[in-house]
C-alpha atoms as a PDB file:
ATOM      1  CA  MET A   1      19.674 -25.249 -87.112  1.00  0.00           C
ATOM      2  CA  ASN A   2      19.349 -26.292 -83.520  1.00  0.00           C
ATOM      3  CA  ALA A   3      17.866 -24.301 -80.249  1.00  0.00           C
ATOM      4  CA  ASN A   4      21.631 -24.766 -78.659  1.00  0.00           C
ATOM      5  CA  ALA A   5      23.323 -23.196 -82.179  1.00  0.00           C
ATOM      6  CA  VAL A   6      20.755 -20.309 -82.834  1.00  0.00           C
ATOM      7  CA  ALA A   7      21.246 -19.676 -78.707  1.00  0.00           C
ATOM      8  CA  ILE A   8      25.227 -19.263 -79.075  1.00  0.00           C
ATOM      9  CA  VAL A   9      24.630 -16.982 -82.071  1.00  0.00           C
ATOM     10  CA  LEU A  10      22.703 -15.060 -79.981  1.00  0.00           C
ATOM     11  CA  HIS A  11      24.347 -14.859 -76.566  1.00  0.00           C
ATOM     12  CA  LEU A  12      27.634 -13.706 -78.756  1.00  0.00           C
ATOM     13  CA  LEU A  13      26.139 -11.111 -81.093  1.00  0.00           C
ATOM     14  CA  SER A  14      24.921  -9.734 -78.037  1.00  0.00           C
ATOM     15  CA  ALA A  15      27.422  -9.468 -76.210  1.00  0.00           C
ATOM     16  CA  VAL A  16      29.189  -8.742 -78.896  1.00  0.00           C
ATOM     17  CA  VAL A  17      27.060  -5.061 -79.877  1.00  0.00           C
ATOM     18  CA  TRP A  18      26.961  -4.336 -76.090  1.00  0.00           C
ATOM     19  CA  VAL A  19      30.525  -4.644 -74.982  1.00  0.00           C
ATOM     20  CA  GLY A  20      31.856  -3.662 -78.754  1.00  0.00           C
ATOM     21  CA  GLY A  21      29.455  -0.730 -78.318  1.00  0.00           C
ATOM     22  CA  MET A  22      30.727   0.726 -74.848  1.00  0.00           C
ATOM     23  CA  ILE A  23      34.589   0.482 -75.860  1.00  0.00           C
ATOM     24  CA  PHE A  24      33.743   2.036 -78.553  1.00  0.00           C
ATOM     25  CA  ALA A  25      31.583   4.995 -77.320  1.00  0.00           C
ATOM     26  CA  HIS A  26      34.020   5.081 -74.223  1.00  0.00           C
ATOM     27  CA  ALA A  27      37.228   4.829 -76.182  1.00  0.00           C
ATOM     28  CA  CYS A  28      36.812   6.395 -79.285  1.00  0.00           C
ATOM     29  CA  LEU A  29      33.702   9.067 -79.474  1.00  0.00           C
ATOM     30  CA  ARG A  30      34.199  10.340 -76.030  1.00  0.00           C
ATOM     31  CA  PRO A  31      37.727  11.648 -76.636  1.00  0.00           C
ATOM     32  CA  VAL A  32      36.820  13.001 -79.536  1.00  0.00           C
ATOM     33  CA  ALA A  33      33.649  14.868 -78.582  1.00  0.00           C
ATOM     34  CA  VAL A  34      35.641  15.856 -75.275  1.00  0.00           C
ATOM     35  CA  SER A  35      38.440  17.569 -77.654  1.00  0.00           C
ATOM     36  CA  GLN A  36      36.064  19.123 -80.243  1.00  0.00           C
ATOM     37  CA  LEU A  37      32.497  19.615 -78.957  1.00  0.00           C
ATOM     38  CA  GLU A  38      31.936  22.544 -75.711  1.00  0.00           C
ATOM     39  CA  PRO A  39      29.169  20.867 -73.817  1.00  0.00           C
ATOM     40  CA  PRO A  40      26.220  22.545 -75.452  1.00  0.00           C
ATOM     41  CA  GLN A  41      27.209  20.535 -78.327  1.00  0.00           C
ATOM     42  CA  ARG A  42      28.575  17.139 -76.433  1.00  0.00           C
ATOM     43  CA  LEU A  43      26.039  17.007 -74.139  1.00  0.00           C
ATOM     44  CA  PRO A  44      23.229  16.743 -76.791  1.00  0.00           C
ATOM     45  CA  LEU A  45      25.439  14.137 -78.618  1.00  0.00           C
ATOM     46  CA  TRP A  46      25.240  11.955 -75.733  1.00  0.00           C
ATOM     47  CA  VAL A  47      21.722  12.237 -75.366  1.00  0.00           C
ATOM     48  CA  GLY A  48      21.275  11.314 -79.254  1.00  0.00           C
ATOM     49  CA  VAL A  49      24.295   8.379 -79.172  1.00  0.00           C
ATOM     50  CA  PHE A  50      22.272   6.659 -76.060  1.00  0.00           C
ATOM     51  CA  ALA A  51      19.385   6.766 -77.796  1.00  0.00           C
ATOM     52  CA  ARG A  52      19.949   5.017 -80.221  1.00  0.00           C
ATOM     53  CA  PHE A  53      22.194   2.829 -78.405  1.00  0.00           C
ATOM     54  CA  PHE A  54      20.293   2.380 -75.431  1.00  0.00           C
ATOM     55  CA  PRO A  55      17.746   0.043 -77.611  1.00  0.00           C
ATOM     56  CA  LEU A  56      20.446  -2.156 -78.506  1.00  0.00           C
ATOM     57  CA  VAL A  57      21.526  -2.980 -74.701  1.00  0.00           C
ATOM     58  CA  TRP A  58      17.918  -3.540 -74.031  1.00  0.00           C
ATOM     59  CA  LEU A  59      17.836  -6.016 -76.533  1.00  0.00           C
ATOM     60  CA  ALA A  60      20.970  -7.614 -75.262  1.00  0.00           C
ATOM     61  CA  VAL A  61      19.987  -7.745 -71.791  1.00  0.00           C
ATOM     62  CA  ILE A  62      16.816  -9.499 -72.552  1.00  0.00           C
ATOM     63  CA  LEU A  63      18.609 -12.100 -74.705  1.00  0.00           C
ATOM     64  CA  LEU A  64      21.732 -12.524 -73.036  1.00  0.00           C
ATOM     65  CA  PRO A  65      19.865 -14.432 -69.942  1.00  0.00           C
ATOM     66  CA  LEU A  66      17.376 -15.908 -72.254  1.00  0.00           C
ATOM     67  CA  SER A  67      20.654 -17.783 -74.521  1.00  0.00           C
ATOM     68  CA  GLY A  68      22.503 -18.301 -71.406  1.00  0.00           C
ATOM     69  CA  TYR A  69      20.078 -20.184 -69.720  1.00  0.00           C
ATOM     70  CA  LEU A  70      18.715 -21.639 -72.472  1.00  0.00           C
ATOM     71  CA  MET A  71      22.312 -22.940 -72.550  1.00  0.00           C
ATOM     72  CA  ILE A  72      22.708 -23.953 -69.283  1.00  0.00           C
ATOM     73  CA  PHE A  73      19.545 -26.173 -69.112  1.00  0.00           C
ATOM     74  CA  THR A  74      19.539 -27.779 -72.374  1.00  0.00           C
ATOM     75  CA  MET A  75      23.958 -28.588 -72.611  1.00  0.00           C
ATOM     76  CA  PHE A  76      24.026 -28.911 -68.813  1.00  0.00           C
ATOM     77  CA  GLY A  77      21.082 -29.888 -67.291  1.00  0.00           C
ATOM     78  CA  GLY A  78      20.878 -26.897 -65.131  1.00  0.00           C
ATOM     79  CA  MET A  79      22.755 -24.984 -62.770  1.00  0.00           C
ATOM     80  CA  GLY A  80      23.433 -27.362 -60.368  1.00  0.00           C
ATOM     81  CA  ASN A  81      25.357 -29.529 -63.118  1.00  0.00           C
ATOM     82  CA  ALA A  82      27.236 -25.998 -64.710  1.00  0.00           C
ATOM     83  CA  PRO A  83      30.975 -25.784 -64.575  1.00  0.00           C
ATOM     84  CA  LEU A  84      32.489 -22.643 -62.665  1.00  0.00           C
ATOM     85  CA  TYR A  85      33.183 -20.733 -65.471  1.00  0.00           C
ATOM     86  CA  VAL A  86      29.933 -20.594 -66.526  1.00  0.00           C
ATOM     87  CA  HIS A  87      28.749 -19.697 -63.254  1.00  0.00           C
ATOM     88  CA  LEU A  88      31.218 -16.885 -63.113  1.00  0.00           C
ATOM     89  CA  MET A  89      29.778 -15.873 -66.643  1.00  0.00           C
ATOM     90  CA  ASN A  90      26.204 -15.784 -64.676  1.00  0.00           C
ATOM     91  CA  GLY A  91      26.926 -13.442 -61.809  1.00  0.00           C
ATOM     92  CA  ILE A  92      28.940 -10.696 -63.602  1.00  0.00           C
ATOM     93  CA  GLY A  93      26.725 -10.898 -66.579  1.00  0.00           C
ATOM     94  CA  TRP A  94      23.658  -9.883 -63.954  1.00  0.00           C
ATOM     95  CA  LEU A  95      25.883  -7.262 -62.178  1.00  0.00           C
ATOM     96  CA  MET A  96      26.385  -5.763 -65.446  1.00  0.00           C
ATOM     97  CA  ILE A  97      22.989  -5.775 -66.131  1.00  0.00           C
ATOM     98  CA  LEU A  98      22.185  -4.205 -63.077  1.00  0.00           C
ATOM     99  CA  ILE A  99      25.058  -1.397 -63.734  1.00  0.00           C
ATOM    100  CA  TYR A 100      23.233  -0.653 -66.735  1.00  0.00           C
ATOM    101  CA  LEU A 101      19.837  -0.639 -65.438  1.00  0.00           C
ATOM    102  CA  TYR A 102      21.161   2.292 -63.078  1.00  0.00           C
ATOM    103  CA  VAL A 103      22.582   4.236 -65.924  1.00  0.00           C
ATOM    104  CA  TYR A 104      19.863   3.828 -67.484  1.00  0.00           C
ATOM    105  CA  PHE A 105      16.971   4.369 -65.464  1.00  0.00           C
ATOM    106  CA  PHE A 106      19.216   7.241 -62.834  1.00  0.00           C
ATOM    107  CA  PRO A 107      22.007   9.191 -64.412  1.00  0.00           C
ATOM    108  CA  TYR A 108      20.525   8.715 -68.712  1.00  0.00           C
ATOM    109  CA  ARG A 109      17.284  10.371 -67.177  1.00  0.00           C
ATOM    110  CA  GLN A 110      19.081  13.061 -64.963  1.00  0.00           C
ATOM    111  CA  LEU A 111      21.328  13.859 -68.730  1.00  0.00           C
ATOM    112  CA  ARG A 112      18.066  13.570 -70.831  1.00  0.00           C
ATOM    113  CA  ARG A 113      16.549  16.537 -68.466  1.00  0.00           C
ATOM    114  CA  ALA A 114      19.139  18.390 -67.680  1.00  0.00           C
ATOM    115  CA  VAL A 115      19.600  18.954 -72.289  1.00  0.00           C
ATOM    116  CA  THR A 116      16.181  19.561 -72.257  1.00  0.00           C
ATOM    117  CA  ALA A 117      16.804  22.149 -69.510  1.00  0.00           C
ATOM    118  CA  GLN A 118      20.134  23.247 -70.933  1.00  0.00           C
ATOM    119  CA  GLN A 119      21.358  23.113 -67.259  1.00  0.00           C
ATOM    120  CA  TRP A 120      25.512  22.079 -68.829  1.00  0.00           C
ATOM    121  CA  PRO A 121      26.964  21.298 -65.308  1.00  0.00           C
ATOM    122  CA  ALA A 122      24.161  19.159 -64.011  1.00  0.00           C
ATOM    123  CA  GLY A 123      24.190  17.332 -67.780  1.00  0.00           C
ATOM    124  CA  GLY A 124      27.969  16.968 -67.002  1.00  0.00           C
ATOM    125  CA  ASP A 125      27.897  15.434 -63.766  1.00  0.00           C
ATOM    126  CA  ALA A 126      25.240  13.153 -65.177  1.00  0.00           C
ATOM    127  CA  LEU A 127      27.487  12.178 -68.269  1.00  0.00           C
ATOM    128  CA  ALA A 128      30.598  11.085 -65.912  1.00  0.00           C
ATOM    129  CA  ARG A 129      28.601   8.918 -63.658  1.00  0.00           C
ATOM    130  CA  ILE A 130      27.831   7.293 -66.562  1.00  0.00           C
ATOM    131  CA  ARG A 131      31.025   7.577 -68.394  1.00  0.00           C
ATOM    132  CA  ARG A 132      32.746   5.605 -65.121  1.00  0.00           C
ATOM    133  CA  MET A 133      29.491   2.932 -65.032  1.00  0.00           C
ATOM    134  CA  VAL A 134      30.113   2.274 -68.745  1.00  0.00           C
ATOM    135  CA  GLY A 135      34.056   1.844 -67.729  1.00  0.00           C
ATOM    136  CA  THR A 136      32.959  -0.794 -64.687  1.00  0.00           C
ATOM    137  CA  ASN A 137      30.559  -2.533 -67.231  1.00  0.00           C
ATOM    138  CA  ILE A 138      33.245  -2.565 -70.022  1.00  0.00           C
ATOM    139  CA  ILE A 139      35.794  -4.190 -67.702  1.00  0.00           C
ATOM    140  CA  LEU A 140      33.188  -6.468 -66.585  1.00  0.00           C
ATOM    141  CA  GLY A 141      32.868  -7.548 -70.187  1.00  0.00           C
ATOM    142  CA  LEU A 142      35.950  -8.050 -70.934  1.00  0.00           C
ATOM    143  CA  ILE A 143      36.393 -10.377 -67.967  1.00  0.00           C
ATOM    144  CA  VAL A 144      32.852 -12.033 -69.079  1.00  0.00           C
ATOM    145  CA  ILE A 145      34.850 -12.363 -72.845  1.00  0.00           C
ATOM    146  CA  ALA A 146      37.892 -14.602 -71.282  1.00  0.00           C
ATOM    147  CA  VAL A 147      36.119 -16.398 -68.810  1.00  0.00           C
ATOM    148  CA  ALA A 148      33.484 -17.278 -71.820  1.00  0.00           C
ATOM    149  CA  SER A 149      36.429 -18.242 -73.993  1.00  0.00           C
ATOM    150  CA  GLY A 150      39.153 -19.853 -71.940  1.00  0.00           C
ATOM    151  CA  GLY A 151      36.553 -20.810 -68.926  1.00  0.00           C
ATOM    152  CA  ARG A 152      36.249 -24.425 -70.406  1.00  0.00           C
ATOM    153  CA  TYR A 153      39.789 -25.184 -70.826  1.00  0.00           C
ATOM    154  CA  LEU A 154      40.932 -24.208 -67.218  1.00  0.00           C
ATOM    155  CA  GLY A 155      39.601 -27.536 -66.019  1.00  0.00           C
END
């Protein structure tokens, strides 16, 4: 298997895990947790879910740029020769990474502190910020997937 094949597989798997995980958490887990659990049970659940999911996202935010740039330089000879859809994926991908870094270093840490201190309103506020940022990243991730799958056919 050549380097491009490995890069493509790592790139796709990383995107599927990250975007798919966000969609599952936002569209499936969140509504059930809200309907069945009060904040003293729901907020620790989210801390536990994020503690398992975020290491996977860290792996994705490392593998996606590495595999993406490997493909850009081996398939196109660099950014200057890359088509528009590749530039779009690159820019939106970095925006998604920045949003993730914000979530991880700010509201997620606030959520963990609030849960440890049993400060449920503060935890709820932090979780609401995470939810909004994850919603934004889901939309961006779906756009990147559409661009990645259809961009090369647009001209």
